[in-house]
C-alpha atoms as a PDB file:
ATOM      1  CA  MET A   1     103.161 131.795 136.733  1.00  0.00           C
ATOM      2  CA  THR A   2     101.193 131.922 139.970  1.00  0.00           C
ATOM      3  CA  ASN A   3     102.801 131.810 143.411  1.00  0.00           C
ATOM      4  CA  ILE A   4     101.191 129.748 146.159  1.00  0.00           C
ATOM      5  CA  ASP A   5     102.334 129.833 149.783  1.00  0.00           C
ATOM      6  CA  LEU A   6     102.632 126.220 151.005  1.00  0.00           C
ATOM      7  CA  ALA A   7     103.236 125.726 154.734  1.00  0.00           C
ATOM      8  CA  PHE A   8     104.135 122.379 156.252  1.00  0.00           C
ATOM      9  CA  SER A   9     106.107 120.830 159.076  1.00  0.00           C
ATOM     10  CA  PRO A  10     109.792 119.788 159.018  1.00  0.00           C
ATOM     11  CA  CYS A  11     108.832 116.181 159.781  1.00  0.00           C
ATOM     12  CA  PRO A  12     109.904 113.479 157.312  1.00  0.00           C
ATOM     13  CA  ASN A  13     106.375 112.611 156.225  1.00  0.00           C
ATOM     14  CA  ASP A  14     105.755 116.181 155.018  1.00  0.00           C
ATOM     15  CA  THR A  15     109.150 116.789 153.420  1.00  0.00           C
ATOM     16  CA  PHE A  16     108.898 113.381 151.734  1.00  0.00           C
ATOM     17  CA  MET A  17     105.487 114.214 150.256  1.00  0.00           C
ATOM     18  CA  PHE A  18     106.178 117.778 149.109  1.00  0.00           C
ATOM     19  CA  HIS A  19     109.736 117.490 147.787  1.00  0.00           C
ATOM     20  CA  ALA A  20     108.650 116.774 144.200  1.00  0.00           C
ATOM     21  CA  LEU A  21     106.232 119.694 144.237  1.00  0.00           C
ATOM     22  CA  LEU A  22     108.949 122.131 145.256  1.00  0.00           C
ATOM     23  CA  TYR A  23     111.893 120.908 143.204  1.00  0.00           C
ATOM     24  CA  GLY A  24     110.496 120.545 139.703  1.00  0.00           C
ATOM     25  CA  CYS A  25     110.091 116.773 139.754  1.00  0.00           C
ATOM     26  CA  ILE A  26     106.548 117.125 138.448  1.00  0.00           C
ATOM     27  CA  ASP A  27     104.876 119.630 136.140  1.00  0.00           C
ATOM     28  CA  THR A  28     102.999 122.058 138.360  1.00  0.00           C
ATOM     29  CA  GLY A  29     101.087 123.666 135.508  1.00  0.00           C
ATOM     30  CA  GLY A  30     102.240 127.210 136.140  1.00  0.00           C
ATOM     31  CA  LEU A  31     101.897 127.139 139.925  1.00  0.00           C
ATOM     32  CA  ILE A  32     105.027 127.940 141.916  1.00  0.00           C
ATOM     33  CA  PHE A  33     104.888 126.766 145.527  1.00  0.00           C
ATOM     34  CA  GLN A  34     106.764 128.863 148.069  1.00  0.00           C
ATOM     35  CA  PRO A  35     107.639 126.706 151.105  1.00  0.00           C
ATOM     36  CA  HIS A  36     107.162 127.870 154.701  1.00  0.00           C
ATOM     37  CA  ILE A  37     108.344 125.291 157.231  1.00  0.00           C
ATOM     38  CA  TYR A  38     107.294 125.440 160.887  1.00  0.00           C
ATOM     39  CA  ASP A  39     106.371 122.992 163.631  1.00  0.00           C
ATOM     40  CA  VAL A  40     102.730 121.938 163.430  1.00  0.00           C
ATOM     41  CA  GLU A  41     101.465 123.959 166.390  1.00  0.00           C
ATOM     42  CA  THR A  42     102.951 127.134 164.899  1.00  0.00           C
ATOM     43  CA  LEU A  43     101.058 126.301 161.704  1.00  0.00           C
ATOM     44  CA  ASN A  44      97.877 125.725 163.712  1.00  0.00           C
ATOM     45  CA  ARG A  45      98.187 129.155 165.300  1.00  0.00           C
ATOM     46  CA  GLU A  46      99.149 130.944 162.085  1.00  0.00           C
ATOM     47  CA  ALA A  47      96.022 129.480 160.488  1.00  0.00           C
ATOM     48  CA  GLU A  48      93.908 131.487 162.923  1.00  0.00           C
ATOM     49  CA  ASN A  49      95.128 134.553 161.022  1.00  0.00           C
ATOM     50  CA  GLN A  50      94.771 132.766 157.646  1.00  0.00           C
ATOM     51  CA  ARG A  51      98.408 133.515 156.871  1.00  0.00           C
ATOM     52  CA  PHE A  52      99.064 130.796 154.261  1.00  0.00           C
ATOM     53  CA  GLN A  53      97.044 129.835 151.199  1.00  0.00           C
ATOM     54  CA  VAL A  54      97.795 126.127 151.632  1.00  0.00           C
ATOM     55  CA  THR A  55      98.892 124.747 154.987  1.00  0.00           C
ATOM     56  CA  LYS A  56      99.367 121.655 157.078  1.00  0.00           C
ATOM     57  CA  LEU A  57      97.106 121.573 160.141  1.00  0.00           C
ATOM     58  CA  SER A  58      96.329 119.217 162.958  1.00  0.00           C
ATOM     59  CA  PHE A  59      92.808 117.889 162.485  1.00  0.00           C
ATOM     60  CA  PHE A  60      91.840 119.501 165.806  1.00  0.00           C
ATOM     61  CA  ALA A  61      92.871 122.892 164.425  1.00  0.00           C
ATOM     62  CA  TYR A  62      91.058 122.226 161.144  1.00  0.00           C
ATOM     63  CA  LEU A  63      87.839 121.411 162.984  1.00  0.00           C
ATOM     64  CA  THR A  64      87.996 124.771 164.765  1.00  0.00           C
ATOM     65  CA  LEU A  65      88.674 126.644 161.497  1.00  0.00           C
ATOM     66  CA  LYS A  66      86.437 124.854 158.975  1.00  0.00           C
ATOM     67  CA  GLU A  67      84.682 128.041 157.931  1.00  0.00           C
ATOM     68  CA  HIS A  68      87.968 129.441 156.582  1.00  0.00           C
ATOM     69  CA  TYR A  69      89.613 126.352 155.036  1.00  0.00           C
ATOM     70  CA  HIS A  70      88.808 123.622 152.544  1.00  0.00           C
ATOM     71  CA  LEU A  71      90.063 120.138 153.455  1.00  0.00           C
ATOM     72  CA  LEU A  72      92.125 118.722 150.587  1.00  0.00           C
ATOM     73  CA  ASP A  73      91.729 115.036 149.797  1.00  0.00           C
ATOM     74  CA  ALA A  74      95.504 114.515 149.465  1.00  0.00           C
ATOM     75  CA  GLY A  75      98.363 114.983 151.909  1.00  0.00           C
ATOM     76  CA  ALA A  76      96.751 113.819 155.155  1.00  0.00           C
ATOM     77  CA  ALA A  77      98.480 111.943 157.971  1.00  0.00           C
ATOM     78  CA  LEU A  78      95.892 109.380 158.938  1.00  0.00           C
ATOM     79  CA  GLY A  79      96.060 105.664 159.561  1.00  0.00           C
ATOM     80  CA  PHE A  80      96.215 102.713 161.909  1.00  0.00           C
ATOM     81  CA  GLY A  81      98.933 102.191 164.503  1.00  0.00           C
ATOM     82  CA  CYS A  82     100.261 105.742 164.176  1.00  0.00           C
ATOM     83  CA  GLY A  83      98.609 107.663 166.989  1.00  0.00           C
ATOM     84  CA  PRO A  84     100.275 109.757 169.697  1.00  0.00           C
ATOM     85  CA  LEU A  85     101.694 108.000 172.747  1.00  0.00           C
ATOM     86  CA  LEU A  86     101.318 109.104 176.334  1.00  0.00           C
ATOM     87  CA  VAL A  87     104.618 108.337 178.063  1.00  0.00           C
ATOM     88  CA  ALA A  88     106.171 108.900 181.496  1.00  0.00           C
ATOM     89  CA  LYS A  89     109.162 107.835 183.551  1.00  0.00           C
ATOM     90  CA  SER A  90     106.952 105.393 185.445  1.00  0.00           C
ATOM     91  CA  ALA A  91     103.825 103.468 184.548  1.00  0.00           C
ATOM     92  CA  ASP A  92     102.484 104.335 188.014  1.00  0.00           C
ATOM     93  CA  VAL A  93     102.181 108.068 187.314  1.00  0.00           C
ATOM     94  CA  GLU A  94      98.965 109.547 188.763  1.00  0.00           C
ATOM     95  CA  LEU A  95      97.631 111.377 185.722  1.00  0.00           C
ATOM     96  CA  SER A  96      94.957 113.369 187.533  1.00  0.00           C
ATOM     97  CA  LYS A  97      97.731 115.151 189.450  1.00  0.00           C
ATOM     98  CA  ALA A  98     100.496 114.945 186.854  1.00  0.00           C
ATOM     99  CA  ARG A  99     102.082 117.801 184.937  1.00  0.00           C
ATOM    100  CA  VAL A 100     101.440 116.569 181.382  1.00  0.00           C
ATOM    101  CA  ALA A 101     103.240 118.081 178.386  1.00  0.00           C
ATOM    102  CA  ILE A 102     101.362 118.446 175.105  1.00  0.00           C
ATOM    103  CA  PRO A 103     102.793 119.479 171.714  1.00  0.00           C
ATOM    104  CA  GLY A 104     100.305 122.316 171.345  1.00  0.00           C
ATOM    105  CA  ARG A 105      96.769 123.312 172.272  1.00  0.00           C
ATOM    106  CA  PHE A 106      95.329 122.595 168.827  1.00  0.00           C
ATOM    107  CA  THR A 107      97.176 119.354 168.102  1.00  0.00           C
ATOM    108  CA  THR A 108      95.175 116.169 167.645  1.00  0.00           C
ATOM    109  CA  ALA A 109      97.307 114.654 170.412  1.00  0.00           C
ATOM    110  CA  HIS A 110      95.773 117.175 172.827  1.00  0.00           C
ATOM    111  CA  LEU A 111      92.268 116.474 171.550  1.00  0.00           C
ATOM    112  CA  LEU A 112      92.725 112.721 172.030  1.00  0.00           C
ATOM    113  CA  LEU A 113      94.027 113.310 175.556  1.00  0.00           C
ATOM    114  CA  LYS A 114      90.951 115.396 176.367  1.00  0.00           C
ATOM    115  CA  LEU A 115      88.688 112.685 174.981  1.00  0.00           C
ATOM    116  CA  ARG A 116      90.403 109.848 176.857  1.00  0.00           C
ATOM    117  CA  TYR A 117      91.329 111.672 180.094  1.00  0.00           C
ATOM    118  CA  PRO A 118      88.845 114.500 180.695  1.00  0.00           C
ATOM    119  CA  GLU A 119      90.081 114.691 184.287  1.00  0.00           C
ATOM    120  CA  LEU A 120      93.507 116.052 183.285  1.00  0.00           C
ATOM    121  CA  SER A 121      93.880 119.504 184.807  1.00  0.00           C
ATOM    122  CA  ASN A 122      97.564 120.402 184.484  1.00  0.00           C
ATOM    123  CA  VAL A 123      98.607 120.297 180.834  1.00  0.00           C
ATOM    124  CA  VAL A 124     101.585 122.318 179.648  1.00  0.00           C
ATOM    125  CA  GLU A 125     102.129 123.384 176.050  1.00  0.00           C
ATOM    126  CA  THR A 126     105.620 123.025 174.595  1.00  0.00           C
ATOM    127  CA  ARG A 127     107.260 122.192 171.279  1.00  0.00           C
ATOM    128  CA  PHE A 128     106.951 118.517 170.391  1.00  0.00           C
ATOM    129  CA  ASP A 129     110.738 118.027 170.508  1.00  0.00           C
ATOM    130  CA  ASN A 130     110.951 119.436 174.058  1.00  0.00           C
ATOM    131  CA  ILE A 131     108.665 116.825 175.595  1.00  0.00           C
ATOM    132  CA  LEU A 132     110.992 113.837 175.966  1.00  0.00           C
ATOM    133  CA  PRO A 133     113.968 115.876 177.232  1.00  0.00           C
ATOM    134  CA  GLY A 134     111.561 117.622 179.611  1.00  0.00           C
ATOM    135  CA  ILE A 135     110.314 114.340 181.064  1.00  0.00           C
ATOM    136  CA  GLU A 136     113.888 113.084 181.410  1.00  0.00           C
ATOM    137  CA  ALA A 137     114.871 116.279 183.239  1.00  0.00           C
ATOM    138  CA  GLY A 138     111.870 116.098 185.583  1.00  0.00           C
ATOM    139  CA  GLU A 139     110.195 119.193 184.140  1.00  0.00           C
ATOM    140  CA  PHE A 140     107.117 117.134 183.211  1.00  0.00           C
ATOM    141  CA  ASP A 141     105.600 114.026 184.788  1.00  0.00           C
ATOM    142  CA  ALA A 142     104.248 112.714 181.486  1.00  0.00           C
ATOM    143  CA  GLY A 143     103.837 113.812 177.908  1.00  0.00           C
ATOM    144  CA  ALA A 144     101.928 113.169 174.697  1.00  0.00           C
ATOM    145  CA  ILE A 145     104.547 112.490 172.031  1.00  0.00           C
ATOM    146  CA  ILE A 146     104.157 112.664 168.266  1.00  0.00           C
ATOM    147  CA  HIS A 147     106.323 112.377 165.140  1.00  0.00           C
ATOM    148  CA  GLU A 148     109.741 110.785 165.689  1.00  0.00           C
ATOM    149  CA  GLY A 149     109.126 110.673 169.439  1.00  0.00           C
ATOM    150  CA  ARG A 150     107.229 107.405 169.230  1.00  0.00           C
ATOM    151  CA  PHE A 151     110.365 105.683 167.907  1.00  0.00           C
ATOM    152  CA  ILE A 152     112.900 107.047 170.392  1.00  0.00           C
ATOM    153  CA  TYR A 153     111.129 107.469 173.760  1.00  0.00           C
ATOM    154  CA  PRO A 154     112.960 104.472 175.335  1.00  0.00           C
ATOM    155  CA  ASN A 155     116.195 106.432 174.817  1.00  0.00           C
ATOM    156  CA  TYR A 156     114.859 108.917 177.387  1.00  0.00           C
ATOM    157  CA  LYS A 157     114.052 106.159 179.915  1.00  0.00           C
ATOM    158  CA  CYS A 158     110.335 106.623 179.346  1.00  0.00           C
ATOM    159  CA  VAL A 159     107.616 103.957 179.327  1.00  0.00           C
ATOM    160  CA  LYS A 160     104.363 103.944 177.401  1.00  0.00           C
ATOM    161  CA  ILE A 161     101.231 104.648 179.424  1.00  0.00           C
ATOM    162  CA  ILE A 162      98.809 104.361 176.510  1.00  0.00           C
ATOM    163  CA  ASP A 163      98.815 104.432 172.735  1.00  0.00           C
ATOM    164  CA  LEU A 164      96.071 106.959 172.058  1.00  0.00           C
ATOM    165  CA  GLY A 165      95.771 105.739 168.487  1.00  0.00           C
ATOM    166  CA  GLU A 166      95.062 102.187 169.658  1.00  0.00           C
ATOM    167  CA  TRP A 167      92.474 103.545 172.084  1.00  0.00           C
ATOM    168  CA  TRP A 168      90.811 105.462 169.249  1.00  0.00           C
ATOM    169  CA  GLU A 169      90.813 102.418 166.976  1.00  0.00           C
ATOM    170  CA  LYS A 170      89.157 100.246 169.649  1.00  0.00           C
ATOM    171  CA  GLU A 171      86.533 102.918 170.270  1.00  0.00           C
ATOM    172  CA  THR A 172      85.698 103.590 166.622  1.00  0.00           C
ATOM    173  CA  GLY A 173      87.184 100.909 164.371  1.00  0.00           C
ATOM    174  CA  LEU A 174      88.516 103.754 162.220  1.00  0.00           C
ATOM    175  CA  PRO A 175      91.952 105.161 161.349  1.00  0.00           C
ATOM    176  CA  ILE A 176      93.107 108.032 163.515  1.00  0.00           C
ATOM    177  CA  PRO A 177      93.033 111.463 161.789  1.00  0.00           C
ATOM    178  CA  LEU A 178      96.198 113.291 162.825  1.00  0.00           C
ATOM    179  CA  GLY A 179      97.092 115.989 160.294  1.00  0.00           C
ATOM    180  CA  CYS A 180      95.736 117.330 157.030  1.00  0.00           C
ATOM    181  CA  ILE A 181      96.425 119.766 154.225  1.00  0.00           C
ATOM    182  CA  VAL A 182      93.918 122.565 153.778  1.00  0.00           C
ATOM    183  CA  ALA A 183      93.492 125.435 151.347  1.00  0.00           C
ATOM    184  CA  ARG A 184      92.190 128.849 152.265  1.00  0.00           C
ATOM    185  CA  LYS A 185      88.691 129.779 151.174  1.00  0.00           C
ATOM    186  CA  ASP A 186      89.187 133.095 149.417  1.00  0.00           C
ATOM    187  CA  GLU A 187      88.576 134.573 145.980  1.00  0.00           C
ATOM    188  CA  PHE A 188      92.109 133.802 144.789  1.00  0.00           C
ATOM    189  CA  THR A 189      92.706 130.328 146.252  1.00  0.00           C
ATOM    190  CA  THR A 190      89.261 128.721 145.981  1.00  0.00           C
ATOM    191  CA  PRO A 191      89.298 128.317 142.157  1.00  0.00           C
ATOM    192  CA  LEU A 192      92.640 126.479 142.511  1.00  0.00           C
ATOM    193  CA  HIS A 193      91.547 123.944 145.153  1.00  0.00           C
ATOM    194  CA  GLY A 194      91.096 121.086 142.684  1.00  0.00           C
ATOM    195  CA  LYS A 195      94.351 121.783 140.849  1.00  0.00           C
ATOM    196  CA  ILE A 196      96.372 122.046 144.068  1.00  0.00           C
ATOM    197  CA  GLU A 197      94.868 118.800 145.361  1.00  0.00           C
ATOM    198  CA  GLY A 198      95.801 116.993 142.156  1.00  0.00           C
ATOM    199  CA  LEU A 199      99.366 118.303 142.267  1.00  0.00           C
ATOM    200  CA  LEU A 200      99.788 117.227 145.878  1.00  0.00           C
ATOM    201  CA  ARG A 201      98.660 113.737 144.944  1.00  0.00           C
ATOM    202  CA  ARG A 202     101.113 113.609 142.025  1.00  0.00           C
ATOM    203  CA  SER A 203     103.924 114.788 144.296  1.00  0.00           C
ATOM    204  CA  ILE A 204     103.186 111.953 146.739  1.00  0.00           C
ATOM    205  CA  GLU A 205     103.022 109.415 143.906  1.00  0.00           C
ATOM    206  CA  PHE A 206     106.428 110.609 142.706  1.00  0.00           C
ATOM    207  CA  ALA A 207     107.815 110.285 146.239  1.00  0.00           C
ATOM    208  CA  PHE A 208     106.638 106.674 146.417  1.00  0.00           C
ATOM    209  CA  SER A 209     108.156 105.865 143.021  1.00  0.00           C
ATOM    210  CA  ARG A 210     111.518 107.566 143.747  1.00  0.00           C
ATOM    211  CA  ARG A 211     111.958 107.163 147.482  1.00  0.00           C
ATOM    212  CA  ASP A 212     115.607 108.264 147.571  1.00  0.00           C
ATOM    213  CA  ALA A 213     115.069 111.485 145.627  1.00  0.00           C
ATOM    214  CA  SER A 214     113.893 113.443 148.663  1.00  0.00           C
ATOM    215  CA  ARG A 215     116.358 112.082 151.247  1.00  0.00           C
ATOM    216  CA  ASP A 216     118.711 115.097 151.308  1.00  0.00           C
ATOM    217  CA  PHE A 217     115.758 117.481 151.620  1.00  0.00           C
ATOM    218  CA  ILE A 218     114.303 115.382 154.436  1.00  0.00           C
ATOM    219  CA  LYS A 219     117.578 115.348 156.362  1.00  0.00           C
ATOM    220  CA  ILE A 220     117.970 119.117 156.176  1.00  0.00           C
ATOM    221  CA  HIS A 221     114.859 119.444 158.330  1.00  0.00           C
ATOM    222  CA  ALA A 222     114.564 116.189 160.305  1.00  0.00           C
ATOM    223  CA  GLN A 223     115.045 115.992 164.071  1.00  0.00           C
ATOM    224  CA  GLU A 224     116.488 112.479 163.817  1.00  0.00           C
ATOM    225  CA  MET A 225     119.171 111.753 161.191  1.00  0.00           C
ATOM    226  CA  ASP A 226     119.100 107.959 161.432  1.00  0.00           C
ATOM    227  CA  ASP A 227     117.857 106.532 158.134  1.00  0.00           C
ATOM    228  CA  ALA A 228     115.979 103.722 159.885  1.00  0.00           C
ATOM    229  CA  VAL A 229     114.047 106.230 162.011  1.00  0.00           C
ATOM    230  CA  ILE A 230     113.300 108.382 158.957  1.00  0.00           C
ATOM    231  CA  ASP A 231     112.062 105.376 156.985  1.00  0.00           C
ATOM    232  CA  ALA A 232     109.928 104.164 159.899  1.00  0.00           C
ATOM    233  CA  HIS A 233     108.418 107.641 160.225  1.00  0.00           C
ATOM    234  CA  ILE A 234     107.546 107.861 156.526  1.00  0.00           C
ATOM    235  CA  ASN A 235     106.199 104.306 156.376  1.00  0.00           C
ATOM    236  CA  LEU A 236     103.939 104.995 159.337  1.00  0.00           C
ATOM    237  CA  TYR A 237     102.467 108.337 158.339  1.00  0.00           C
ATOM    238  CA  VAL A 238     102.446 108.293 154.529  1.00  0.00           C
ATOM    239  CA  ASN A 239     100.020 105.709 153.171  1.00  0.00           C
ATOM    240  CA  GLU A 240      96.924 105.234 151.025  1.00  0.00           C
ATOM    241  CA  PHE A 241      95.074 107.866 153.076  1.00  0.00           C
ATOM    242  CA  SER A 242      97.761 110.393 152.109  1.00  0.00           C
ATOM    243  CA  LEU A 243      96.862 109.849 148.455  1.00  0.00           C
ATOM    244  CA  SER A 244      93.127 110.106 149.193  1.00  0.00           C
ATOM    245  CA  LEU A 245      91.115 110.260 152.388  1.00  0.00           C
ATOM    246  CA  GLY A 246      88.452 108.109 150.788  1.00  0.00           C
ATOM    247  CA  GLU A 247      85.168 107.191 152.428  1.00  0.00           C
ATOM    248  CA  LYS A 248      86.809 105.636 155.491  1.00  0.00           C
ATOM    249  CA  GLY A 249      89.095 108.612 156.051  1.00  0.00           C
ATOM    250  CA  ARG A 250      86.257 111.112 155.801  1.00  0.00           C
ATOM    251  CA  LYS A 251      84.174 109.016 158.190  1.00  0.00           C
ATOM    252  CA  ALA A 252      87.068 109.101 160.657  1.00  0.00           C
ATOM    253  CA  VAL A 253      87.230 112.906 160.470  1.00  0.00           C
ATOM    254  CA  ALA A 254      83.461 113.187 160.941  1.00  0.00           C
ATOM    255  CA  THR A 255      83.608 110.834 163.937  1.00  0.00           C
ATOM    256  CA  LEU A 256      86.387 112.843 165.562  1.00  0.00           C
ATOM    257  CA  GLU A 257      84.341 116.006 165.135  1.00  0.00           C
ATOM    258  CA  GLU A 258      81.202 114.354 166.496  1.00  0.00           C
ATOM    259  CA  MET A 259      83.007 113.040 169.587  1.00  0.00           C
ATOM    260  CA  ALA A 260      84.591 116.436 170.247  1.00  0.00           C
ATOM    261  CA  ARG A 261      81.254 118.211 169.934  1.00  0.00           C
ATOM    262  CA  CYS A 262      79.461 115.680 172.148  1.00  0.00           C
ATOM    263  CA  ARG A 263      82.099 116.244 174.855  1.00  0.00           C
ATOM    264  CA  LYS A 264      81.772 120.011 174.335  1.00  0.00           C
ATOM    265  CA  ILE A 265      85.435 120.340 173.337  1.00  0.00           C
ATOM    266  CA  LEU A 266      84.471 122.062 170.083  1.00  0.00           C
END
């Protein structure tokens, strides 16, 4: 038996995908995955120290750490109509002067904001689940929301300024790369890259075939308990690109990197 540290977020798309891998629903061929669950920006920052052998990352973080991590073909959050939203209390907010909350420096939401609004000068990092309450309380003028936030922002009396995913799609014609699963490049983990990738894909296939099997595990970690919100979240972020990036997915990642380098963000 070989232990592998697997780090991922508490969001329903991740817990849905990895449940089978952790709870013996599939044969893992002698690999035992030890879960470590943190919000995505914590994972991005821990990756700087190469803490986990296999970890979820924002694509922005992955692009800054490519020399240390191998991008796995399975497990990505990438697609159409699923990008971050920029929201505020009023559609008339003056963004160049606004205090804009972001869910972390290395999140793809922040990268998209920098690409679309290079003039932003007052961004504030906070946990993704603090952004909507912070806007409601007047702590922030606007915020880039991810995960369940895109389904519940009207509850906080917020309006959408822009769908950054839609902007990306119009600019590129490609799906938006949000998050990925990577494996550390080291003497121990590298020989297992292919096996781990295959097991992740099988875990996702099991999740699709037995959608209710993971529900209790999902609800232990989810921010929103409503089944409709959980289902909407999973349906949006877990798709054919989660099973395999494919040619289109890899082109999207390359385009994001090229745009970031051209704008001197990377």
